[in-house]
Amino acid sequence: MKKLTFLMTLAFFFYSCISTLIMAQSTIKGVAKKIDGNPLSNANIMLFSAIDSSFVKGEVTGDDGSFQFQNINVGSYWINISRSGFKDQGLTNVNIDRENSVINLAEVILQKETHELDSYTPVLKKAITLKHLKPIFADH
């Protein structure tokens, strides 16, 4: 009986150690900026699993361009940063192991998105005139 109790205690200890290693929680933080160095507020920051590209978490940058993901499990991830009017920026190989509790990403710079038209041909359509319209009066 003492041997069984000892083995169960030992098994519980190993289970606790392994689950702590696997479920270690980390933080990923960074700052999104425009090419002129000003902060990029209201940008969408999405965290995906590198294994299967499944969505993990999403954040929006603050007025100062900062973002932060908390309680991220050990693993490999990639991040997509997007905002209307700017080119998307992707960060790959964001790896979290049990030794990294906080991952500080370098400033992420997003460039303005420009759209150029190859050509533009205005089309003038004939105006429509309505004839023989009778006024409509409402009865009171």
N, C-alpha and C. Protein backbone atom coordinates (compact mmCIF):
# COMPACT_ATOMS: atom_id res chain seq x y z
N MET A 1 0.81 -1.19 0.00
CA MET A 1 0.00 0.00 0.00
C MET A 1 0.86 1.27 0.00
N LYS A 2 1.96 1.24 0.79
CA LYS A 2 2.85 2.39 0.82
C LYS A 2 3.50 2.60 -0.54
N LYS A 3 3.81 1.49 -1.20
CA LYS A 3 4.44 1.59 -2.52
C LYS A 3 3.46 2.22 -3.52
N LEU A 4 2.20 1.83 -3.47
CA LEU A 4 1.18 2.38 -4.36
C LEU A 4 1.00 3.88 -4.10
N THR A 5 0.95 4.29 -2.84
CA THR A 5 0.82 5.69 -2.50
C THR A 5 2.03 6.48 -3.00
N PHE A 6 3.21 5.91 -2.82
CA PHE A 6 4.43 6.56 -3.31
C PHE A 6 4.39 6.72 -4.83
N LEU A 7 4.00 5.68 -5.55
CA LEU A 7 3.94 5.73 -7.02
C LEU A 7 2.90 6.76 -7.49
N MET A 8 1.77 6.82 -6.82
CA MET A 8 0.74 7.79 -7.20
C MET A 8 1.23 9.22 -6.93
N THR A 9 1.91 9.43 -5.82
CA THR A 9 2.46 10.75 -5.52
C THR A 9 3.51 11.14 -6.54
N LEU A 10 4.35 10.20 -6.90
CA LEU A 10 5.39 10.44 -7.90
C LEU A 10 4.77 10.75 -9.26
N ALA A 11 3.75 10.00 -9.63
CA ALA A 11 3.06 10.24 -10.91
C ALA A 11 2.41 11.63 -10.92
N PHE A 12 1.78 12.00 -9.83
CA PHE A 12 1.17 13.32 -9.74
C PHE A 12 2.22 14.42 -9.84
N PHE A 13 3.36 14.23 -9.22
CA PHE A 13 4.45 15.20 -9.29
C PHE A 13 4.93 15.38 -10.73
N PHE A 14 5.16 14.27 -11.44
CA PHE A 14 5.61 14.35 -12.83
C PHE A 14 4.54 15.00 -13.72
N TYR A 15 3.29 14.64 -13.48
CA TYR A 15 2.20 15.25 -14.24
C TYR A 15 2.17 16.76 -14.02
N SER A 16 2.33 17.19 -12.79
CA SER A 16 2.33 18.62 -12.47
C SER A 16 3.48 19.34 -13.16
N CYS A 17 4.67 18.73 -13.14
CA CYS A 17 5.84 19.34 -13.79
C CYS A 17 5.65 19.45 -15.29
N ILE A 18 5.18 18.38 -15.90
CA ILE A 18 5.01 18.37 -17.36
C ILE A 18 3.91 19.35 -17.77
N SER A 19 2.80 19.37 -17.06
CA SER A 19 1.71 20.29 -17.44
C SER A 19 2.14 21.74 -17.24
N THR A 20 2.98 22.01 -16.24
CA THR A 20 3.48 23.37 -16.04
C THR A 20 4.38 23.77 -17.21
N LEU A 21 5.20 22.85 -17.67
CA LEU A 21 6.08 23.16 -18.80
C LEU A 21 5.28 23.39 -20.08
N ILE A 22 4.30 22.55 -20.30
CA ILE A 22 3.51 22.65 -21.52
C ILE A 22 2.61 23.88 -21.48
N MET A 23 2.03 24.18 -20.35
CA MET A 23 1.05 25.26 -20.25
C MET A 23 1.66 26.57 -19.77
N ALA A 24 2.99 26.70 -19.85
CA ALA A 24 3.61 27.96 -19.43
C ALA A 24 3.01 29.11 -20.24
N GLN A 25 2.69 30.18 -19.58
CA GLN A 25 2.02 31.31 -20.22
C GLN A 25 3.02 32.43 -20.47
N SER A 26 2.94 33.02 -21.63
CA SER A 26 3.84 34.11 -22.00
C SER A 26 3.05 35.29 -22.53
N THR A 27 3.76 36.40 -22.70
CA THR A 27 3.18 37.62 -23.25
C THR A 27 3.96 38.02 -24.49
N ILE A 28 3.26 38.42 -25.53
CA ILE A 28 3.87 38.95 -26.74
C ILE A 28 3.43 40.41 -26.85
N LYS A 29 4.39 41.32 -26.99
CA LYS A 29 4.01 42.72 -27.12
C LYS A 29 4.87 43.41 -28.16
N GLY A 30 4.33 44.52 -28.68
CA GLY A 30 5.04 45.28 -29.70
C GLY A 30 4.35 46.59 -29.98
N VAL A 31 4.87 47.31 -30.97
CA VAL A 31 4.32 48.62 -31.35
C VAL A 31 4.25 48.68 -32.87
N ALA A 32 3.10 49.08 -33.40
CA ALA A 32 2.92 49.28 -34.84
C ALA A 32 3.06 50.76 -35.14
N LYS A 33 3.86 51.06 -36.18
CA LYS A 33 4.10 52.46 -36.55
C LYS A 33 3.96 52.65 -38.05
N LYS A 34 3.69 53.91 -38.41
CA LYS A 34 3.69 54.30 -39.82
C LYS A 34 5.14 54.49 -40.25
N ILE A 35 5.36 54.58 -41.55
CA ILE A 35 6.71 54.72 -42.07
C ILE A 35 7.38 56.01 -41.61
N ASP A 36 6.59 57.04 -41.25
CA ASP A 36 7.17 58.29 -40.75
C ASP A 36 7.51 58.24 -39.26
N GLY A 37 7.27 57.09 -38.63
CA GLY A 37 7.62 56.91 -37.23
C GLY A 37 6.48 57.18 -36.26
N ASN A 38 5.38 57.70 -36.75
CA ASN A 38 4.22 57.96 -35.88
C ASN A 38 3.50 56.65 -35.56
N PRO A 39 2.87 56.57 -34.38
CA PRO A 39 2.16 55.35 -34.01
C PRO A 39 0.98 55.08 -34.93
N LEU A 40 0.70 53.81 -35.14
CA LEU A 40 -0.43 53.39 -35.97
C LEU A 40 -1.53 52.85 -35.05
N SER A 41 -2.51 53.68 -34.77
CA SER A 41 -3.60 53.27 -33.88
C SER A 41 -4.66 52.51 -34.65
N ASN A 42 -5.44 51.73 -33.92
CA ASN A 42 -6.57 50.97 -34.45
C ASN A 42 -6.20 49.98 -35.54
N ALA A 43 -4.99 49.46 -35.50
CA ALA A 43 -4.59 48.41 -36.44
C ALA A 43 -5.01 47.06 -35.85
N ASN A 44 -5.38 46.13 -36.71
CA ASN A 44 -5.77 44.79 -36.28
C ASN A 44 -4.53 43.91 -36.17
N ILE A 45 -4.33 43.29 -35.02
CA ILE A 45 -3.20 42.40 -34.79
C ILE A 45 -3.79 41.01 -34.54
N MET A 46 -3.45 40.07 -35.41
CA MET A 46 -4.00 38.71 -35.28
C MET A 46 -2.88 37.71 -35.09
N LEU A 47 -3.06 36.84 -34.10
CA LEU A 47 -2.09 35.81 -33.76
C LEU A 47 -2.61 34.46 -34.25
N PHE A 48 -1.77 33.74 -35.01
CA PHE A 48 -2.15 32.44 -35.56
C PHE A 48 -1.14 31.38 -35.15
N SER A 49 -1.60 30.16 -35.03
CA SER A 49 -0.73 29.03 -34.75
C SER A 49 0.07 28.71 -36.01
N ALA A 50 1.37 28.51 -35.87
CA ALA A 50 2.21 28.18 -37.03
C ALA A 50 1.97 26.76 -37.51
N ILE A 51 1.46 25.91 -36.65
CA ILE A 51 1.25 24.50 -37.01
C ILE A 51 0.14 24.36 -38.04
N ASP A 52 -1.01 24.98 -37.78
CA ASP A 52 -2.16 24.79 -38.67
C ASP A 52 -2.83 26.10 -39.11
N SER A 53 -2.19 27.23 -38.82
CA SER A 53 -2.71 28.56 -39.17
C SER A 53 -4.06 28.87 -38.54
N SER A 54 -4.38 28.20 -37.45
CA SER A 54 -5.64 28.49 -36.77
C SER A 54 -5.51 29.80 -35.99
N PHE A 55 -6.61 30.52 -35.94
CA PHE A 55 -6.66 31.79 -35.23
C PHE A 55 -6.55 31.53 -33.73
N VAL A 56 -5.66 32.29 -33.04
CA VAL A 56 -5.47 32.13 -31.60
C VAL A 56 -6.09 33.31 -30.85
N LYS A 57 -5.68 34.52 -31.17
CA LYS A 57 -6.19 35.72 -30.51
C LYS A 57 -6.11 36.92 -31.44
N GLY A 58 -6.87 37.94 -31.12
CA GLY A 58 -6.82 39.18 -31.88
C GLY A 58 -6.79 40.37 -30.94
N GLU A 59 -6.11 41.41 -31.35
CA GLU A 59 -6.01 42.65 -30.57
C GLU A 59 -6.11 43.83 -31.53
N VAL A 60 -6.32 45.01 -30.97
CA VAL A 60 -6.32 46.26 -31.74
C VAL A 60 -5.30 47.18 -31.07
N THR A 61 -4.48 47.84 -31.88
CA THR A 61 -3.47 48.72 -31.29
C THR A 61 -4.12 49.93 -30.63
N GLY A 62 -3.47 50.40 -29.58
CA GLY A 62 -3.95 51.58 -28.86
C GLY A 62 -3.55 52.85 -29.59
N ASP A 63 -3.84 53.98 -28.99
CA ASP A 63 -3.49 55.28 -29.59
C ASP A 63 -1.99 55.42 -29.79
N ASP A 64 -1.21 54.74 -28.95
CA ASP A 64 0.25 54.80 -29.07
C ASP A 64 0.81 53.70 -29.96
N GLY A 65 -0.06 52.94 -30.63
CA GLY A 65 0.36 51.88 -31.55
C GLY A 65 0.73 50.58 -30.86
N SER A 66 0.62 50.53 -29.54
CA SER A 66 1.04 49.33 -28.81
C SER A 66 -0.02 48.24 -28.85
N PHE A 67 0.45 47.00 -28.76
CA PHE A 67 -0.44 45.85 -28.65
C PHE A 67 0.21 44.83 -27.73
N GLN A 68 -0.62 43.93 -27.20
CA GLN A 68 -0.11 42.93 -26.28
C GLN A 68 -1.04 41.72 -26.26
N PHE A 69 -0.44 40.55 -26.41
CA PHE A 69 -1.16 39.29 -26.24
C PHE A 69 -0.70 38.69 -24.92
N GLN A 70 -1.64 38.36 -24.05
CA GLN A 70 -1.29 37.76 -22.77
C GLN A 70 -1.78 36.32 -22.71
N ASN A 71 -1.17 35.56 -21.82
CA ASN A 71 -1.54 34.16 -21.57
C ASN A 71 -1.43 33.31 -22.83
N ILE A 72 -0.30 33.41 -23.51
CA ILE A 72 -0.04 32.63 -24.71
C ILE A 72 0.73 31.38 -24.32
N ASN A 73 0.26 30.24 -24.79
CA ASN A 73 0.91 28.97 -24.47
C ASN A 73 2.21 28.79 -25.26
N VAL A 74 3.04 27.88 -24.78
CA VAL A 74 4.27 27.52 -25.47
C VAL A 74 3.91 27.04 -26.87
N GLY A 75 4.67 27.48 -27.88
CA GLY A 75 4.42 27.06 -29.24
C GLY A 75 4.99 28.04 -30.25
N SER A 76 4.73 27.76 -31.52
CA SER A 76 5.17 28.61 -32.63
C SER A 76 3.97 29.32 -33.22
N TYR A 77 4.16 30.60 -33.51
CA TYR A 77 3.06 31.44 -33.98
C TYR A 77 3.52 32.33 -35.13
N TRP A 78 2.54 32.93 -35.82
CA TRP A 78 2.81 34.02 -36.75
C TRP A 78 1.74 35.09 -36.53
N ILE A 79 2.12 36.31 -36.85
CA ILE A 79 1.26 37.46 -36.56
C ILE A 79 1.00 38.23 -37.86
N ASN A 80 -0.24 38.66 -38.04
CA ASN A 80 -0.61 39.51 -39.17
C ASN A 80 -1.09 40.85 -38.62
N ILE A 81 -0.54 41.93 -39.17
CA ILE A 81 -0.92 43.28 -38.75
C ILE A 81 -1.53 43.97 -39.96
N SER A 82 -2.73 44.51 -39.79
CA SER A 82 -3.41 45.14 -40.92
C SER A 82 -4.21 46.36 -40.45
N ARG A 83 -4.36 47.28 -41.38
CA ARG A 83 -5.22 48.44 -41.17
C ARG A 83 -5.59 48.98 -42.54
N SER A 84 -6.81 49.45 -42.67
CA SER A 84 -7.28 49.99 -43.93
C SER A 84 -6.37 51.14 -44.37
N GLY A 85 -5.97 51.12 -45.64
CA GLY A 85 -5.10 52.16 -46.18
C GLY A 85 -3.62 51.85 -46.06
N PHE A 86 -3.29 50.69 -45.44
CA PHE A 86 -1.89 50.29 -45.27
C PHE A 86 -1.70 48.87 -45.76
N LYS A 87 -0.47 48.56 -46.19
CA LYS A 87 -0.15 47.20 -46.61
C LYS A 87 -0.02 46.31 -45.38
N ASP A 88 -0.57 45.09 -45.46
CA ASP A 88 -0.46 44.14 -44.36
C ASP A 88 1.01 43.81 -44.09
N GLN A 89 1.30 43.54 -42.85
CA GLN A 89 2.66 43.15 -42.45
C GLN A 89 2.55 41.84 -41.68
N GLY A 90 3.36 40.87 -42.06
CA GLY A 90 3.35 39.59 -41.37
C GLY A 90 4.66 39.34 -40.64
N LEU A 91 4.55 38.74 -39.47
CA LEU A 91 5.71 38.35 -38.69
C LEU A 91 5.65 36.85 -38.49
N THR A 92 6.66 36.15 -38.97
CA THR A 92 6.69 34.70 -38.83
C THR A 92 7.72 34.30 -37.78
N ASN A 93 7.71 33.06 -37.44
CA ASN A 93 8.68 32.50 -36.48
C ASN A 93 8.66 33.20 -35.13
N VAL A 94 7.48 33.42 -34.59
CA VAL A 94 7.36 33.92 -33.23
C VAL A 94 7.25 32.68 -32.35
N ASN A 95 8.36 32.34 -31.70
CA ASN A 95 8.44 31.11 -30.93
C ASN A 95 8.44 31.40 -29.44
N ILE A 96 7.58 30.69 -28.73
CA ILE A 96 7.51 30.84 -27.29
C ILE A 96 7.91 29.51 -26.67
N ASP A 97 8.91 29.57 -25.82
CA ASP A 97 9.29 28.39 -25.07
C ASP A 97 9.15 28.69 -23.59
N ARG A 98 9.42 27.72 -22.76
CA ARG A 98 9.18 27.90 -21.32
C ARG A 98 10.10 28.91 -20.68
N GLU A 99 11.18 29.30 -21.37
CA GLU A 99 12.14 30.25 -20.81
C GLU A 99 11.78 31.70 -21.12
N ASN A 100 10.93 31.92 -22.10
CA ASN A 100 10.56 33.29 -22.48
C ASN A 100 9.19 33.62 -21.90
N SER A 101 9.15 34.47 -20.89
CA SER A 101 7.85 34.85 -20.34
C SER A 101 7.30 36.09 -21.04
N VAL A 102 8.19 36.93 -21.59
CA VAL A 102 7.76 38.12 -22.34
C VAL A 102 8.57 38.19 -23.64
N ILE A 103 7.85 38.27 -24.75
CA ILE A 103 8.48 38.44 -26.06
C ILE A 103 8.25 39.87 -26.50
N ASN A 104 9.32 40.64 -26.65
CA ASN A 104 9.23 42.02 -27.15
C ASN A 104 9.57 42.02 -28.63
N LEU A 105 8.60 42.33 -29.45
CA LEU A 105 8.84 42.41 -30.89
C LEU A 105 9.40 43.78 -31.22
N ALA A 106 10.19 43.85 -32.23
CA ALA A 106 10.69 45.15 -32.69
C ALA A 106 9.50 45.96 -33.21
N GLU A 107 9.72 47.26 -33.39
CA GLU A 107 8.65 48.09 -33.96
C GLU A 107 8.30 47.54 -35.34
N VAL A 108 7.03 47.45 -35.60
CA VAL A 108 6.55 46.95 -36.88
C VAL A 108 6.08 48.15 -37.69
N ILE A 109 6.68 48.34 -38.86
CA ILE A 109 6.38 49.50 -39.71
C ILE A 109 5.43 49.08 -40.83
N LEU A 110 4.32 49.79 -40.95
CA LEU A 110 3.38 49.56 -42.05
C LEU A 110 3.47 50.71 -43.04
N GLN A 111 3.48 50.37 -44.31
CA GLN A 111 3.56 51.37 -45.37
C GLN A 111 2.17 51.67 -45.91
N LYS A 112 1.98 52.91 -46.32
CA LYS A 112 0.71 53.31 -46.94
C LYS A 112 0.49 52.46 -48.18
N GLU A 113 -0.76 52.14 -48.41
CA GLU A 113 -1.10 51.37 -49.60
C GLU A 113 -1.54 52.35 -50.68
N THR A 114 -0.93 52.23 -51.83
CA THR A 114 -1.30 53.11 -52.93
C THR A 114 -1.89 52.28 -54.06
N HIS A 115 -2.91 52.81 -54.66
CA HIS A 115 -3.55 52.14 -55.80
C HIS A 115 -3.39 53.04 -57.01
N GLU A 116 -2.82 52.49 -58.05
CA GLU A 116 -2.68 53.23 -59.30
C GLU A 116 -3.54 52.58 -60.36
N LEU A 117 -4.22 53.42 -61.09
CA LEU A 117 -5.05 52.93 -62.18
C LEU A 117 -4.22 52.87 -63.46
N ASP A 118 -4.37 51.80 -64.21
CA ASP A 118 -3.67 51.71 -65.48
C ASP A 118 -4.21 52.76 -66.45
N SER A 119 -5.51 52.85 -66.51
CA SER A 119 -6.13 53.87 -67.35
C SER A 119 -7.55 54.10 -66.85
N TYR A 120 -8.06 55.25 -67.23
CA TYR A 120 -9.42 55.59 -66.84
C TYR A 120 -10.09 56.23 -68.04
N THR A 121 -11.21 55.68 -68.41
CA THR A 121 -11.96 56.23 -69.54
C THR A 121 -13.34 56.64 -69.05
N PRO A 122 -13.58 57.94 -68.96
CA PRO A 122 -14.92 58.35 -68.53
C PRO A 122 -15.95 58.04 -69.62
N VAL A 123 -17.10 57.61 -69.20
CA VAL A 123 -18.18 57.28 -70.13
C VAL A 123 -19.32 58.26 -69.88
N LEU A 124 -19.70 58.98 -70.94
CA LEU A 124 -20.78 59.94 -70.84
C LEU A 124 -22.05 59.30 -71.36
N LYS A 125 -23.04 59.28 -70.52
CA LYS A 125 -24.32 58.68 -70.91
C LYS A 125 -25.30 59.80 -71.21
N LYS A 126 -26.24 59.53 -72.07
CA LYS A 126 -27.25 60.52 -72.44
C LYS A 126 -28.20 60.75 -71.27
N ALA A 127 -28.46 61.99 -71.00
CA ALA A 127 -29.37 62.34 -69.92
C ALA A 127 -30.80 61.93 -70.28
N ILE A 128 -31.55 61.54 -69.30
CA ILE A 128 -32.95 61.14 -69.51
C ILE A 128 -33.84 62.30 -69.07
N THR A 129 -34.75 62.69 -69.98
CA THR A 129 -35.71 63.74 -69.62
C THR A 129 -37.09 63.10 -69.55
N LEU A 130 -37.78 63.46 -68.51
CA LEU A 130 -39.13 62.93 -68.33
C LEU A 130 -40.12 63.99 -68.79
N LYS A 131 -41.01 63.59 -69.69
CA LYS A 131 -42.02 64.51 -70.21
C LYS A 131 -43.40 64.07 -69.73
N HIS A 132 -44.30 64.99 -69.77
CA HIS A 132 -45.70 64.73 -69.46
C HIS A 132 -45.91 64.25 -68.03
N LEU A 133 -45.26 64.88 -67.12
CA LEU A 133 -45.49 64.55 -65.72
C LEU A 133 -46.62 65.41 -65.19
N LYS A 134 -47.53 64.82 -64.48
CA LYS A 134 -48.62 65.58 -63.88
C LYS A 134 -48.35 65.71 -62.40
N PRO A 135 -48.59 66.87 -61.84
CA PRO A 135 -48.41 67.03 -60.40
C PRO A 135 -49.41 66.21 -59.62
N ILE A 136 -48.98 65.72 -58.49
CA ILE A 136 -49.85 64.93 -57.61
C ILE A 136 -50.11 65.78 -56.37
N PHE A 137 -51.41 65.93 -56.04
CA PHE A 137 -51.78 66.69 -54.85
C PHE A 137 -52.42 65.75 -53.85
N ALA A 138 -52.07 65.97 -52.62
CA ALA A 138 -52.65 65.17 -51.56
C ALA A 138 -53.93 65.83 -51.06
N ASP A 139 -54.95 65.04 -50.86
CA ASP A 139 -56.20 65.57 -50.31
C ASP A 139 -56.06 65.70 -48.80
N HIS A 140 -56.54 66.82 -48.27
CA HIS A 140 -56.48 67.03 -46.81
C HIS A 140 -57.74 66.64 -46.18
